[in-house]
C-alpha atoms as a PDB file:
ATOM      1  CA  MET A   1      -0.020  -0.230  -0.058  1.00  0.00           C
ATOM      2  CA  SER A   2       1.245   3.065  -0.870  1.00  0.00           C
ATOM      3  CA  LEU A   3       2.501   5.522   1.997  1.00  0.00           C
ATOM      4  CA  VAL A   4       1.391   8.923  -0.177  1.00  0.00           C
ATOM      5  CA  ASN A   5      -1.232  10.155  -1.195  1.00  0.00           C
ATOM      6  CA  PRO A   6      -1.368   9.320  -5.328  1.00  0.00           C
ATOM      7  CA  SER A   7      -2.086  13.065  -6.681  1.00  0.00           C
ATOM      8  CA  SER A   8      -2.366  13.636 -10.322  1.00  0.00           C
ATOM      9  CA  LEU A   9       0.666  12.445 -12.301  1.00  0.00           C
ATOM     10  CA  PHE A  10       0.634  16.270 -14.141  1.00  0.00           C
ATOM     11  CA  HIS A  11       1.067  19.000 -12.313  1.00  0.00           C
ATOM     12  CA  GLY A  12       0.671  21.407 -14.854  1.00  0.00           C
ATOM     13  CA  SER A  13       3.477  22.440 -15.571  1.00  0.00           C
ATOM     14  CA  PRO A  14       4.833  22.238 -19.882  1.00  0.00           C
ATOM     15  CA  VAL A  15       6.796  18.800 -20.259  1.00  0.00           C
ATOM     16  CA  VAL A  16      10.303  19.019 -20.678  1.00  0.00           C
ATOM     17  CA  THR A  17      11.756  17.666 -23.876  1.00  0.00           C
ATOM     18  CA  ARG A  18      14.778  15.809 -22.994  1.00  0.00           C
ATOM     19  CA  SER A  19      17.729  16.673 -25.282  1.00  0.00           C
ATOM     20  CA  PRO A  20      21.327  14.233 -23.940  1.00  0.00           C
ATOM     21  CA  THR A  21      22.141  15.568 -20.769  1.00  0.00           C
ATOM     22  CA  LEU A  22      25.833  16.288 -20.091  1.00  0.00           C
ATOM     23  CA  PHE A  23      27.997  15.823 -16.700  1.00  0.00           C
ATOM     24  CA  ASN A  24      29.142  18.696 -16.104  1.00  0.00           C
ATOM     25  CA  PRO A  25      31.995  18.701 -13.180  1.00  0.00           C
ATOM     26  CA  THR A  26      31.996  22.175 -12.261  1.00  0.00           C
ATOM     27  CA  ARG A  27      28.381  21.717 -10.673  1.00  0.00           C
ATOM     28  CA  LYS A  28      28.133  21.627  -7.041  1.00  0.00           C
ATOM     29  CA  SER A  29      28.089  17.732  -6.518  1.00  0.00           C
ATOM     30  CA  ILE A  30      24.424  16.241  -4.187  1.00  0.00           C
ATOM     31  CA  PRO A  31      25.020  15.494  -0.890  1.00  0.00           C
ATOM     32  CA  LEU A  32      24.601  11.773  -0.479  1.00  0.00           C
ATOM     33  CA  SER A  33      21.985  10.436   1.668  1.00  0.00           C
ATOM     34  CA  SER A  34      22.333   9.038   5.189  1.00  0.00           C
ATOM     35  CA  SER A  35      23.851   5.977   4.183  1.00  0.00           C
ATOM     36  CA  SER A  36      26.549   8.532   2.573  1.00  0.00           C
ATOM     37  CA  ILE A  37      30.099   7.281   1.594  1.00  0.00           C
ATOM     38  CA  SER A  38      31.837   8.638   4.086  1.00  0.00           C
ATOM     39  CA  ALA A  39      29.126   6.603   6.874  1.00  0.00           C
ATOM     40  CA  ILE A  40      29.916   3.664   4.761  1.00  0.00           C
ATOM     41  CA  LEU A  41      33.874   3.844   4.659  1.00  0.00           C
ATOM     42  CA  THR A  42      34.372   4.674   8.668  1.00  0.00           C
ATOM     43  CA  LYS A  43      33.222   0.653   8.568  1.00  0.00           C
ATOM     44  CA  PHE A  44      35.801  -0.221   6.382  1.00  0.00           C
ATOM     45  CA  LYS A  45      39.134  -1.001   7.247  1.00  0.00           C
ATOM     46  CA  GLU A  46      41.529  -1.333   4.489  1.00  0.00           C
ATOM     47  CA  PRO A  47      44.556  -4.021   4.301  1.00  0.00           C
ATOM     48  CA  GLN A  48      47.423  -2.398   4.956  1.00  0.00           C
ATOM     49  CA  SER A  49      49.293  -1.868   1.183  1.00  0.00           C
ATOM     50  CA  GLU A  50      53.107  -0.279   0.260  1.00  0.00           C
ATOM     51  CA  SER A  51      50.926   2.102  -1.943  1.00  0.00           C
ATOM     52  CA  PRO A  52      50.174   5.259  -0.759  1.00  0.00           C
ATOM     53  CA  PHE A  53      46.683   5.413  -2.663  1.00  0.00           C
ATOM     54  CA  ASP A  54      44.428   6.961  -0.575  1.00  0.00           C
ATOM     55  CA  PHE A  55      41.045   4.790  -1.622  1.00  0.00           C
ATOM     56  CA  LYS A  56      39.018   6.580   0.983  1.00  0.00           C
ATOM     57  CA  SER A  57      39.223  10.081  -0.772  1.00  0.00           C
ATOM     58  CA  TYR A  58      39.158   8.571  -4.253  1.00  0.00           C
ATOM     59  CA  LEU A  59      35.801   6.703  -3.725  1.00  0.00           C
ATOM     60  CA  LEU A  60      34.336   9.396  -2.184  1.00  0.00           C
ATOM     61  CA  GLU A  61      35.076  11.884  -5.007  1.00  0.00           C
ATOM     62  CA  LYS A  62      34.229   9.141  -7.744  1.00  0.00           C
ATOM     63  CA  ALA A  63      31.164   8.644  -6.159  1.00  0.00           C
ATOM     64  CA  ASN A  64      29.857  12.438  -5.363  1.00  0.00           C
ATOM     65  CA  LEU A  65      31.112  12.690  -9.099  1.00  0.00           C
ATOM     66  CA  VAL A  66      28.600  10.109 -10.205  1.00  0.00           C
ATOM     67  CA  ASN A  67      26.072  11.033  -7.822  1.00  0.00           C
ATOM     68  CA  GLN A  68      26.271  14.970  -9.263  1.00  0.00           C
ATOM     69  CA  ALA A  69      25.811  13.273 -12.842  1.00  0.00           C
ATOM     70  CA  LEU A  70      22.767  11.067 -11.950  1.00  0.00           C
ATOM     71  CA  ASP A  71      21.004  14.194 -10.399  1.00  0.00           C
ATOM     72  CA  ALA A  72      21.826  15.788 -13.867  1.00  0.00           C
ATOM     73  CA  ALA A  73      20.642  12.885 -15.968  1.00  0.00           C
ATOM     74  CA  ILE A  74      16.906  12.434 -14.211  1.00  0.00           C
ATOM     75  CA  PRO A  75      15.306  15.937 -13.324  1.00  0.00           C
ATOM     76  CA  VAL A  76      11.973  16.027 -11.864  1.00  0.00           C
ATOM     77  CA  ARG A  77       9.490  16.313 -15.236  1.00  0.00           C
ATOM     78  CA  ASP A  78       6.331  15.161 -16.275  1.00  0.00           C
ATOM     79  CA  PRO A  79       4.909  12.758 -15.733  1.00  0.00           C
ATOM     80  CA  VAL A  80       6.028  13.716 -12.093  1.00  0.00           C
ATOM     81  CA  LYS A  81       5.593  11.185 -10.057  1.00  0.00           C
ATOM     82  CA  ILE A  82       7.299   8.637 -12.232  1.00  0.00           C
ATOM     83  CA  HIS A  83      10.474  10.943 -11.941  1.00  0.00           C
ATOM     84  CA  GLU A  84      10.124  11.493  -8.215  1.00  0.00           C
ATOM     85  CA  SER A  85      10.153   7.581  -7.998  1.00  0.00           C
ATOM     86  CA  MET A  86      12.915   6.839 -10.607  1.00  0.00           C
ATOM     87  CA  ARG A  87      14.917   9.626  -8.173  1.00  0.00           C
ATOM     88  CA  TYR A  88      13.776   8.566  -5.143  1.00  0.00           C
ATOM     89  CA  SER A  89      15.645   5.203  -5.351  1.00  0.00           C
ATOM     90  CA  VAL A  90      18.272   6.489  -7.747  1.00  0.00           C
ATOM     91  CA  LEU A  91      19.855   9.027  -5.664  1.00  0.00           C
ATOM     92  CA  ALA A  92      18.773   7.324  -2.020  1.00  0.00           C
ATOM     93  CA  GLY A  93      22.790   6.842  -1.599  1.00  0.00           C
ATOM     94  CA  GLY A  94      24.669   3.259  -1.806  1.00  0.00           C
ATOM     95  CA  LYS A  95      28.183   2.480  -2.225  1.00  0.00           C
ATOM     96  CA  ARG A  96      28.024   3.322  -6.152  1.00  0.00           C
ATOM     97  CA  VAL A  97      30.360   0.611  -6.723  1.00  0.00           C
ATOM     98  CA  ARG A  98      29.645  -0.329 -10.048  1.00  0.00           C
ATOM     99  CA  PRO A  99      29.796   3.180 -11.631  1.00  0.00           C
ATOM    100  CA  VAL A 100      33.066   3.563  -9.989  1.00  0.00           C
ATOM    101  CA  LEU A 101      34.895   0.240 -10.933  1.00  0.00           C
ATOM    102  CA  CYS A 102      33.338   1.686 -14.604  1.00  0.00           C
ATOM    103  CA  ILE A 103      35.395   4.905 -14.186  1.00  0.00           C
ATOM    104  CA  ALA A 104      38.515   3.256 -12.780  1.00  0.00           C
ATOM    105  CA  ALA A 105      38.665   0.592 -15.193  1.00  0.00           C
ATOM    106  CA  CYS A 106      38.403   3.044 -18.212  1.00  0.00           C
ATOM    107  CA  GLU A 107      41.311   5.023 -17.029  1.00  0.00           C
ATOM    108  CA  LEU A 108      43.192   2.170 -15.915  1.00  0.00           C
ATOM    109  CA  VAL A 109      43.027   1.582 -20.101  1.00  0.00           C
ATOM    110  CA  GLY A 110      43.899   5.036 -20.366  1.00  0.00           C
ATOM    111  CA  GLY A 111      40.788   6.903 -21.162  1.00  0.00           C
ATOM    112  CA  ASN A 112      39.136   9.346 -19.043  1.00  0.00           C
ATOM    113  CA  GLU A 113      36.313   9.721 -16.603  1.00  0.00           C
ATOM    114  CA  LEU A 114      33.939  11.882 -19.417  1.00  0.00           C
ATOM    115  CA  ALA A 115      33.927   9.170 -21.702  1.00  0.00           C
ATOM    116  CA  ALA A 116      32.972   6.735 -19.062  1.00  0.00           C
ATOM    117  CA  MET A 117      30.213   8.408 -17.078  1.00  0.00           C
ATOM    118  CA  PRO A 118      27.365   7.608 -19.225  1.00  0.00           C
ATOM    119  CA  ALA A 119      27.834   4.275 -19.143  1.00  0.00           C
ATOM    120  CA  ALA A 120      28.531   4.624 -15.202  1.00  0.00           C
ATOM    121  CA  CYS A 121      25.564   6.120 -14.662  1.00  0.00           C
ATOM    122  CA  ALA A 122      23.734   3.597 -16.517  1.00  0.00           C
ATOM    123  CA  VAL A 123      24.880   0.495 -14.954  1.00  0.00           C
ATOM    124  CA  GLU A 124      23.655   2.390 -11.545  1.00  0.00           C
ATOM    125  CA  MET A 125      20.333   3.264 -12.801  1.00  0.00           C
ATOM    126  CA  ILE A 126      20.281  -0.558 -13.851  1.00  0.00           C
ATOM    127  CA  HIS A 127      21.740  -1.887 -10.498  1.00  0.00           C
ATOM    128  CA  THR A 128      18.957   0.557  -8.805  1.00  0.00           C
ATOM    129  CA  MET A 129      16.047  -1.065 -10.689  1.00  0.00           C
ATOM    130  CA  SER A 130      17.020  -4.337 -10.258  1.00  0.00           C
ATOM    131  CA  LEU A 131      16.555  -3.816  -6.265  1.00  0.00           C
ATOM    132  CA  MET A 132      13.754  -1.674  -6.797  1.00  0.00           C
ATOM    133  CA  HIS A 133      11.912  -5.000  -8.464  1.00  0.00           C
ATOM    134  CA  ASP A 134      13.703  -7.392  -6.081  1.00  0.00           C
ATOM    135  CA  ASP A 135      12.160  -5.583  -2.726  1.00  0.00           C
ATOM    136  CA  LEU A 136       9.067  -5.836  -4.642  1.00  0.00           C
ATOM    137  CA  PRO A 137       6.273  -8.448  -2.898  1.00  0.00           C
ATOM    138  CA  CYS A 138       6.030 -10.719  -5.682  1.00  0.00           C
ATOM    139  CA  MET A 139       9.992 -11.181  -5.211  1.00  0.00           C
ATOM    140  CA  ASP A 140      11.787 -10.791  -1.636  1.00  0.00           C
ATOM    141  CA  ASN A 141       9.083  -8.330  -0.109  1.00  0.00           C
ATOM    142  CA  ASP A 142      11.459  -6.142   1.355  1.00  0.00           C
ATOM    143  CA  ASP A 143      10.240  -2.665   3.108  1.00  0.00           C
ATOM    144  CA  PHE A 144      13.670  -0.865   4.080  1.00  0.00           C
ATOM    145  CA  ARG A 145      16.182  -0.376   1.550  1.00  0.00           C
ATOM    146  CA  ARG A 146      19.391   1.837   2.113  1.00  0.00           C
ATOM    147  CA  GLY A 147      18.169   2.447   5.408  1.00  0.00           C
ATOM    148  CA  LYS A 148      14.992   3.838   3.700  1.00  0.00           C
ATOM    149  CA  PRO A 149      11.458   2.516   3.103  1.00  0.00           C
ATOM    150  CA  THR A 150      11.879   0.841  -0.265  1.00  0.00           C
ATOM    151  CA  ASN A 151      10.350   2.265  -3.363  1.00  0.00           C
ATOM    152  CA  HIS A 152       6.880   0.341  -3.618  1.00  0.00           C
ATOM    153  CA  MET A 153       6.483   1.232   0.702  1.00  0.00           C
ATOM    154  CA  VAL A 154       6.421   4.704  -0.627  1.00  0.00           C
ATOM    155  CA  PHE A 155       4.963   5.262  -4.048  1.00  0.00           C
ATOM    156  CA  GLY A 156       3.501   1.628  -4.635  1.00  0.00           C
ATOM    157  CA  GLU A 157       3.928  -1.206  -6.311  1.00  0.00           C
ATOM    158  CA  GLU A 158       2.723  -0.147  -9.812  1.00  0.00           C
ATOM    159  CA  VAL A 159       4.797   3.119  -9.957  1.00  0.00           C
ATOM    160  CA  ALA A 160       7.924   1.082  -8.637  1.00  0.00           C
ATOM    161  CA  VAL A 161       7.437  -1.653 -11.454  1.00  0.00           C
ATOM    162  CA  LEU A 162       7.294   1.316 -14.327  1.00  0.00           C
ATOM    163  CA  ALA A 163      10.150   3.791 -12.520  1.00  0.00           C
ATOM    164  CA  GLY A 164      12.058   0.424 -12.517  1.00  0.00           C
ATOM    165  CA  ASP A 165      11.422  -0.202 -16.373  1.00  0.00           C
ATOM    166  CA  ALA A 166      11.833   3.313 -17.180  1.00  0.00           C
ATOM    167  CA  LEU A 167      15.638   3.405 -15.691  1.00  0.00           C
ATOM    168  CA  LEU A 168      16.127   0.482 -17.375  1.00  0.00           C
ATOM    169  CA  SER A 169      15.124   2.214 -20.712  1.00  0.00           C
ATOM    170  CA  PHE A 170      16.962   5.145 -19.887  1.00  0.00           C
ATOM    171  CA  SER A 171      20.065   3.338 -19.362  1.00  0.00           C
ATOM    172  CA  PHE A 172      20.827   2.689 -22.825  1.00  0.00           C
ATOM    173  CA  GLU A 173      19.044   6.254 -24.112  1.00  0.00           C
ATOM    174  CA  HIS A 174      21.929   7.360 -22.049  1.00  0.00           C
ATOM    175  CA  ILE A 175      24.949   5.961 -22.918  1.00  0.00           C
ATOM    176  CA  ALA A 176      23.806   6.187 -26.673  1.00  0.00           C
ATOM    177  CA  THR A 177      23.077   9.692 -26.482  1.00  0.00           C
ATOM    178  CA  ALA A 178      25.561  11.418 -23.830  1.00  0.00           C
ATOM    179  CA  THR A 179      28.736   9.627 -24.356  1.00  0.00           C
ATOM    180  CA  GLN A 180      31.281  11.986 -25.748  1.00  0.00           C
ATOM    181  CA  GLY A 181      34.900  11.533 -27.168  1.00  0.00           C
ATOM    182  CA  VAL A 182      34.181   7.768 -27.892  1.00  0.00           C
ATOM    183  CA  ALA A 183      34.248   6.136 -31.055  1.00  0.00           C
ATOM    184  CA  PRO A 184      30.883   5.224 -32.450  1.00  0.00           C
ATOM    185  CA  ASP A 185      31.819   1.658 -32.979  1.00  0.00           C
ATOM    186  CA  ASN A 186      32.363   1.473 -29.104  1.00  0.00           C
ATOM    187  CA  ILE A 187      29.632   3.084 -27.974  1.00  0.00           C
ATOM    188  CA  LEU A 188      27.244   0.413 -29.613  1.00  0.00           C
ATOM    189  CA  ARG A 189      29.596  -2.922 -28.365  1.00  0.00           C
ATOM    190  CA  ALA A 190      29.427  -1.029 -24.804  1.00  0.00           C
ATOM    191  CA  ILE A 191      25.196  -1.548 -25.136  1.00  0.00           C
ATOM    192  CA  GLY A 192      25.899  -4.852 -26.669  1.00  0.00           C
ATOM    193  CA  GLU A 193      27.703  -5.777 -23.696  1.00  0.00           C
ATOM    194  CA  LEU A 194      24.943  -4.127 -21.280  1.00  0.00           C
ATOM    195  CA  ALA A 195      22.101  -5.632 -22.892  1.00  0.00           C
ATOM    196  CA  LYS A 196      23.815  -9.218 -22.532  1.00  0.00           C
ATOM    197  CA  CYS A 197      25.080  -9.271 -19.108  1.00  0.00           C
ATOM    198  CA  ILE A 198      21.307  -8.435 -17.866  1.00  0.00           C
ATOM    199  CA  GLY A 199      19.257 -10.141 -20.085  1.00  0.00           C
ATOM    200  CA  SER A 200      17.770 -13.562 -20.174  1.00  0.00           C
ATOM    201  CA  GLU A 201      21.843 -14.806 -20.424  1.00  0.00           C
ATOM    202  CA  GLY A 202      23.099 -12.421 -17.174  1.00  0.00           C
ATOM    203  CA  LEU A 203      21.019 -10.711 -14.603  1.00  0.00           C
ATOM    204  CA  VAL A 204      18.103 -12.141 -15.538  1.00  0.00           C
ATOM    205  CA  ALA A 205      18.900 -15.861 -15.982  1.00  0.00           C
ATOM    206  CA  GLY A 206      20.597 -15.307 -12.432  1.00  0.00           C
ATOM    207  CA  GLN A 207      17.067 -13.977 -10.835  1.00  0.00           C
ATOM    208  CA  VAL A 208      15.069 -16.184 -12.089  1.00  0.00           C
ATOM    209  CA  VAL A 209      16.932 -19.744 -11.039  1.00  0.00           C
ATOM    210  CA  ASP A 210      17.432 -17.969  -7.914  1.00  0.00           C
ATOM    211  CA  ILE A 211      13.871 -17.857  -7.648  1.00  0.00           C
ATOM    212  CA  CYS A 212      12.916 -21.446  -8.954  1.00  0.00           C
ATOM    213  CA  SER A 213      15.899 -22.815  -6.659  1.00  0.00           C
ATOM    214  CA  GLU A 214      14.068 -21.567  -3.471  1.00  0.00           C
ATOM    215  CA  GLY A 215      13.330 -24.237  -0.525  1.00  0.00           C
ATOM    216  CA  ALA A 216      15.277 -26.890  -3.172  1.00  0.00           C
ATOM    217  CA  ASP A 217      18.002 -28.905  -1.819  1.00  0.00           C
ATOM    218  CA  VAL A 218      20.901 -27.066  -4.509  1.00  0.00           C
ATOM    219  CA  GLY A 219      25.019 -27.608  -4.404  1.00  0.00           C
ATOM    220  CA  VAL A 220      27.642 -25.030  -4.268  1.00  0.00           C
ATOM    221  CA  GLY A 221      27.965 -25.505  -8.491  1.00  0.00           C
ATOM    222  CA  HIS A 222      24.215 -24.158  -8.774  1.00  0.00           C
ATOM    223  CA  LEU A 223      24.850 -21.459  -6.404  1.00  0.00           C
ATOM    224  CA  GLU A 224      27.293 -20.256  -8.255  1.00  0.00           C
ATOM    225  CA  PHE A 225      25.510 -19.965 -11.570  1.00  0.00           C
ATOM    226  CA  ILE A 226      23.056 -18.026  -9.842  1.00  0.00           C
ATOM    227  CA  HIS A 227      25.524 -15.243  -8.544  1.00  0.00           C
ATOM    228  CA  LEU A 228      27.604 -15.420 -11.280  1.00  0.00           C
ATOM    229  CA  HIS A 229      24.533 -14.319 -13.379  1.00  0.00           C
ATOM    230  CA  LYS A 230      22.593 -12.490 -10.602  1.00  0.00           C
ATOM    231  CA  THR A 231      25.319 -10.457  -9.072  1.00  0.00           C
ATOM    232  CA  ALA A 232      28.192 -10.577 -10.781  1.00  0.00           C
ATOM    233  CA  ALA A 233      27.586 -10.134 -14.559  1.00  0.00           C
ATOM    234  CA  LEU A 234      26.020  -6.463 -14.002  1.00  0.00           C
ATOM    235  CA  LEU A 235      29.673  -5.937 -11.857  1.00  0.00           C
ATOM    236  CA  GLU A 236      31.231  -7.596 -14.881  1.00  0.00           C
ATOM    237  CA  GLY A 237      29.334  -5.398 -17.324  1.00  0.00           C
ATOM    238  CA  SER A 238      30.750  -2.000 -15.422  1.00  0.00           C
ATOM    239  CA  VAL A 239      34.338  -3.124 -15.692  1.00  0.00           C
ATOM    240  CA  VAL A 240      33.523  -4.168 -19.253  1.00  0.00           C
ATOM    241  CA  LEU A 241      31.935  -1.151 -20.330  1.00  0.00           C
ATOM    242  CA  GLY A 242      34.585   1.312 -18.678  1.00  0.00           C
ATOM    243  CA  ALA A 243      37.557  -0.461 -20.449  1.00  0.00           C
ATOM    244  CA  ILE A 244      35.355  -0.537 -23.786  1.00  0.00           C
ATOM    245  CA  MET A 245      34.607   3.305 -23.409  1.00  0.00           C
ATOM    246  CA  GLY A 246      38.714   3.690 -22.356  1.00  0.00           C
ATOM    247  CA  GLY A 247      39.774   2.203 -25.788  1.00  0.00           C
ATOM    248  CA  GLY A 248      40.725  -0.839 -23.939  1.00  0.00           C
ATOM    249  CA  SER A 249      42.367  -3.708 -26.501  1.00  0.00           C
ATOM    250  CA  ASP A 250      40.581  -7.292 -26.636  1.00  0.00           C
ATOM    251  CA  ARG A 251      43.477  -8.715 -24.320  1.00  0.00           C
ATOM    252  CA  GLU A 252      42.749  -6.123 -21.571  1.00  0.00           C
ATOM    253  CA  ILE A 253      38.866  -6.229 -21.514  1.00  0.00           C
ATOM    254  CA  GLU A 254      39.202  -9.801 -21.258  1.00  0.00           C
ATOM    255  CA  LYS A 255      41.327  -9.665 -18.498  1.00  0.00           C
ATOM    256  CA  LEU A 256      39.515  -6.645 -16.914  1.00  0.00           C
ATOM    257  CA  ARG A 257      36.290  -9.119 -17.450  1.00  0.00           C
ATOM    258  CA  ARG A 258      37.951 -11.853 -15.343  1.00  0.00           C
ATOM    259  CA  PHE A 259      38.578  -9.591 -12.587  1.00  0.00           C
ATOM    260  CA  ALA A 260      35.291  -8.354 -12.671  1.00  0.00           C
ATOM    261  CA  ARG A 261      33.706 -11.843 -12.780  1.00  0.00           C
ATOM    262  CA  SER A 262      35.720 -12.916  -9.537  1.00  0.00           C
ATOM    263  CA  ILE A 263      35.249  -9.758  -7.317  1.00  0.00           C
ATOM    264  CA  GLY A 264      30.778 -10.248  -8.908  1.00  0.00           C
ATOM    265  CA  LEU A 265      31.419 -13.761  -6.989  1.00  0.00           C
ATOM    266  CA  LEU A 266      33.403 -12.296  -4.027  1.00  0.00           C
ATOM    267  CA  PHE A 267      30.317  -9.303  -3.513  1.00  0.00           C
ATOM    268  CA  GLN A 268      27.963 -11.875  -3.325  1.00  0.00           C
ATOM    269  CA  VAL A 269      29.876 -14.007  -0.868  1.00  0.00           C
ATOM    270  CA  VAL A 270      30.369 -11.354   1.039  1.00  0.00           C
ATOM    271  CA  ASP A 271      26.762 -10.322   0.813  1.00  0.00           C
ATOM    272  CA  ASP A 272      25.875 -14.020   2.471  1.00  0.00           C
ATOM    273  CA  ILE A 273      28.300 -13.560   5.040  1.00  0.00           C
ATOM    274  CA  LEU A 274      27.027 -10.421   6.454  1.00  0.00           C
ATOM    275  CA  ASP A 275      23.358 -11.263   5.908  1.00  0.00           C
ATOM    276  CA  VAL A 276      23.764 -13.586   8.898  1.00  0.00           C
ATOM    277  CA  THR A 277      26.445 -11.731  11.092  1.00  0.00           C
ATOM    278  CA  LYS A 278      24.921  -7.633  10.702  1.00  0.00           C
ATOM    279  CA  SER A 279      21.741  -6.524  12.119  1.00  0.00           C
ATOM    280  CA  SER A 280      19.152  -4.788   9.973  1.00  0.00           C
ATOM    281  CA  GLU A 281      20.813  -1.268  11.068  1.00  0.00           C
ATOM    282  CA  GLU A 282      24.234  -2.212  10.157  1.00  0.00           C
ATOM    283  CA  LEU A 283      23.064  -3.479   7.218  1.00  0.00           C
ATOM    284  CA  GLY A 284      20.630  -0.636   5.963  1.00  0.00           C
ATOM    285  CA  LYS A 285      18.545  -3.467   4.969  1.00  0.00           C
ATOM    286  CA  THR A 286      16.711  -6.102   6.251  1.00  0.00           C
ATOM    287  CA  ALA A 287      18.754  -8.693   7.853  1.00  0.00           C
ATOM    288  CA  GLY A 288      18.451 -12.373   8.172  1.00  0.00           C
ATOM    289  CA  LYS A 289      15.664 -12.755   5.392  1.00  0.00           C
ATOM    290  CA  ASP A 290      17.981 -15.638   3.620  1.00  0.00           C
ATOM    291  CA  LEU A 291      17.638 -17.558   7.027  1.00  0.00           C
ATOM    292  CA  VAL A 292      14.203 -16.631   7.633  1.00  0.00           C
ATOM    293  CA  SER A 293      13.000 -17.967   3.272  1.00  0.00           C
ATOM    294  CA  ASP A 294      15.199 -20.852   4.135  1.00  0.00           C
ATOM    295  CA  LYS A 295      17.652 -19.486   0.758  1.00  0.00           C
ATOM    296  CA  THR A 296      20.428 -21.439   0.373  1.00  0.00           C
ATOM    297  CA  THR A 297      23.780 -19.205   0.638  1.00  0.00           C
ATOM    298  CA  TYR A 298      27.407 -19.754   1.027  1.00  0.00           C
ATOM    299  CA  PRO A 299      27.360 -19.623   5.212  1.00  0.00           C
ATOM    300  CA  LYS A 300      24.722 -22.543   4.982  1.00  0.00           C
ATOM    301  CA  LEU A 301      26.661 -24.810   2.165  1.00  0.00           C
ATOM    302  CA  LEU A 302      30.261 -24.470   3.300  1.00  0.00           C
ATOM    303  CA  GLY A 303      29.771 -22.356   7.243  1.00  0.00           C
ATOM    304  CA  ILE A 304      30.885 -19.141   8.167  1.00  0.00           C
ATOM    305  CA  GLU A 305      34.811 -20.019   8.421  1.00  0.00           C
ATOM    306  CA  LYS A 306      34.975 -21.829   4.995  1.00  0.00           C
ATOM    307  CA  SER A 307      32.888 -18.794   3.256  1.00  0.00           C
ATOM    308  CA  LYS A 308      35.636 -16.139   4.165  1.00  0.00           C
ATOM    309  CA  GLU A 309      38.226 -18.623   2.726  1.00  0.00           C
ATOM    310  CA  PHE A 310      36.630 -18.545  -0.380  1.00  0.00           C
ATOM    311  CA  ALA A 311      35.939 -14.710  -0.450  1.00  0.00           C
ATOM    312  CA  LYS A 312      39.910 -14.797   0.411  1.00  0.00           C
ATOM    313  CA  LYS A 313      40.827 -17.162  -3.051  1.00  0.00           C
ATOM    314  CA  LEU A 314      38.364 -14.950  -4.910  1.00  0.00           C
ATOM    315  CA  ASN A 315      40.221 -11.876  -3.855  1.00  0.00           C
ATOM    316  CA  ASN A 316      43.432 -12.907  -4.655  1.00  0.00           C
ATOM    317  CA  GLU A 317      42.096 -14.419  -8.106  1.00  0.00           C
ATOM    318  CA  ALA A 318      40.883 -11.212  -9.026  1.00  0.00           C
ATOM    319  CA  GLN A 319      44.056  -8.891  -8.111  1.00  0.00           C
ATOM    320  CA  GLU A 320      46.195 -11.871 -10.389  1.00  0.00           C
ATOM    321  CA  GLN A 321      44.158 -10.447 -13.487  1.00  0.00           C
ATOM    322  CA  LEU A 322      45.950  -7.065 -12.826  1.00  0.00           C
ATOM    323  CA  SER A 323      49.069  -8.182 -12.904  1.00  0.00           C
ATOM    324  CA  GLU A 324      50.407  -6.961 -15.787  1.00  0.00           C
ATOM    325  CA  PHE A 325      48.838  -3.458 -15.553  1.00  0.00           C
ATOM    326  CA  ASP A 326      50.828  -0.564 -14.295  1.00  0.00           C
ATOM    327  CA  ARG A 327      50.428  -0.985 -10.493  1.00  0.00           C
ATOM    328  CA  ARG A 328      49.832   2.469  -9.905  1.00  0.00           C
ATOM    329  CA  LYS A 329      47.060   2.748 -12.828  1.00  0.00           C
ATOM    330  CA  ALA A 330      45.093  -0.269 -11.449  1.00  0.00           C
ATOM    331  CA  ALA A 331      45.953   0.710  -7.820  1.00  0.00           C
ATOM    332  CA  PRO A 332      41.690   1.876  -7.676  1.00  0.00           C
ATOM    333  CA  LEU A 333      40.838  -1.715  -9.142  1.00  0.00           C
ATOM    334  CA  ILE A 334      43.047  -3.074  -6.587  1.00  0.00           C
ATOM    335  CA  ALA A 335      41.903  -1.379  -3.667  1.00  0.00           C
ATOM    336  CA  LEU A 336      37.929  -1.704  -5.019  1.00  0.00           C
ATOM    337  CA  ALA A 337      38.386  -5.265  -4.503  1.00  0.00           C
ATOM    338  CA  ASN A 338      39.502  -4.960  -1.293  1.00  0.00           C
ATOM    339  CA  TYR A 339      37.055  -2.684  -0.113  1.00  0.00           C
ATOM    340  CA  ILE A 340      34.371  -5.545  -1.606  1.00  0.00           C
ATOM    341  CA  ALA A 341      36.021  -8.347   0.314  1.00  0.00           C
ATOM    342  CA  TYR A 342      36.477  -6.253   3.613  1.00  0.00           C
ATOM    343  CA  ARG A 343      33.197  -4.258   3.480  1.00  0.00           C
ATOM    344  CA  GLN A 344      31.141  -4.249   6.443  1.00  0.00           C
ATOM    345  CA  ASN A 345      27.796  -3.371   5.277  1.00  0.00           C
END
């Protein structure tokens, strides 16, 4: 049931016609929500490293730039209700791991932030859509996300579904119309890559197998299939899109693809561990829901300690894929892999 009074879809203001929204780095960045990056990072203890790279400053800077670009890309316009719903979830904060991975991969292969930003925003829009749909009563039926009521609790189920659909379609439009300084062939390749990683061979495949597996007795191989598609596919797409937009070679793109698959699976293993070791307040979302729904998770199959060992193995495998790149340029991706491995929410 909606918690807001459903006002008319139009407020009487003239409809704004769309032109490509460009990222303006001089524009003042909008603040993140209560689950801000700075608050998140206070709980993250980066492992000791010989590198002088300041990961916390890097992530805070990039995340705020992504937030600014997302704010510019999705202004409030008619129909107001749908755009408010889209903005409610997209600008609700979060770690911005996927867009930052996209930017870092682009910079690693010689590209720049501006070339990657539309693709970085697109993957965050799609990630947000997946969370909005995942939270629906017909899926996981969650009431809270990122410390706030979920989209359908505020705007109603119908609007939440449509807002998610709108984010999905707009993500492709945004890459096509807002990307600058990138060869058209690379833009086309990136759009194809993104479509594949979220379709019936990617995110959707993982989600449907996950739904069909509830209550079933499944093994580690089955669980890995779910999470390589449901979670890792979009992380893989984020990194690969960045590498494509940066003009990376086929060899560089494939190395980064393997890196991303490992951290994608790592992300889910850590998520499973946190679900049974942290509170809802610490996570900013409902804790223990996997246990309540009798969902198969890595801790359930392997136990907590074996799951932690598996996470460490995945992190090592991911970082091995970066060994041929310049260590200084790879520092953000190395730090992001460690962040995913050692995060606390």
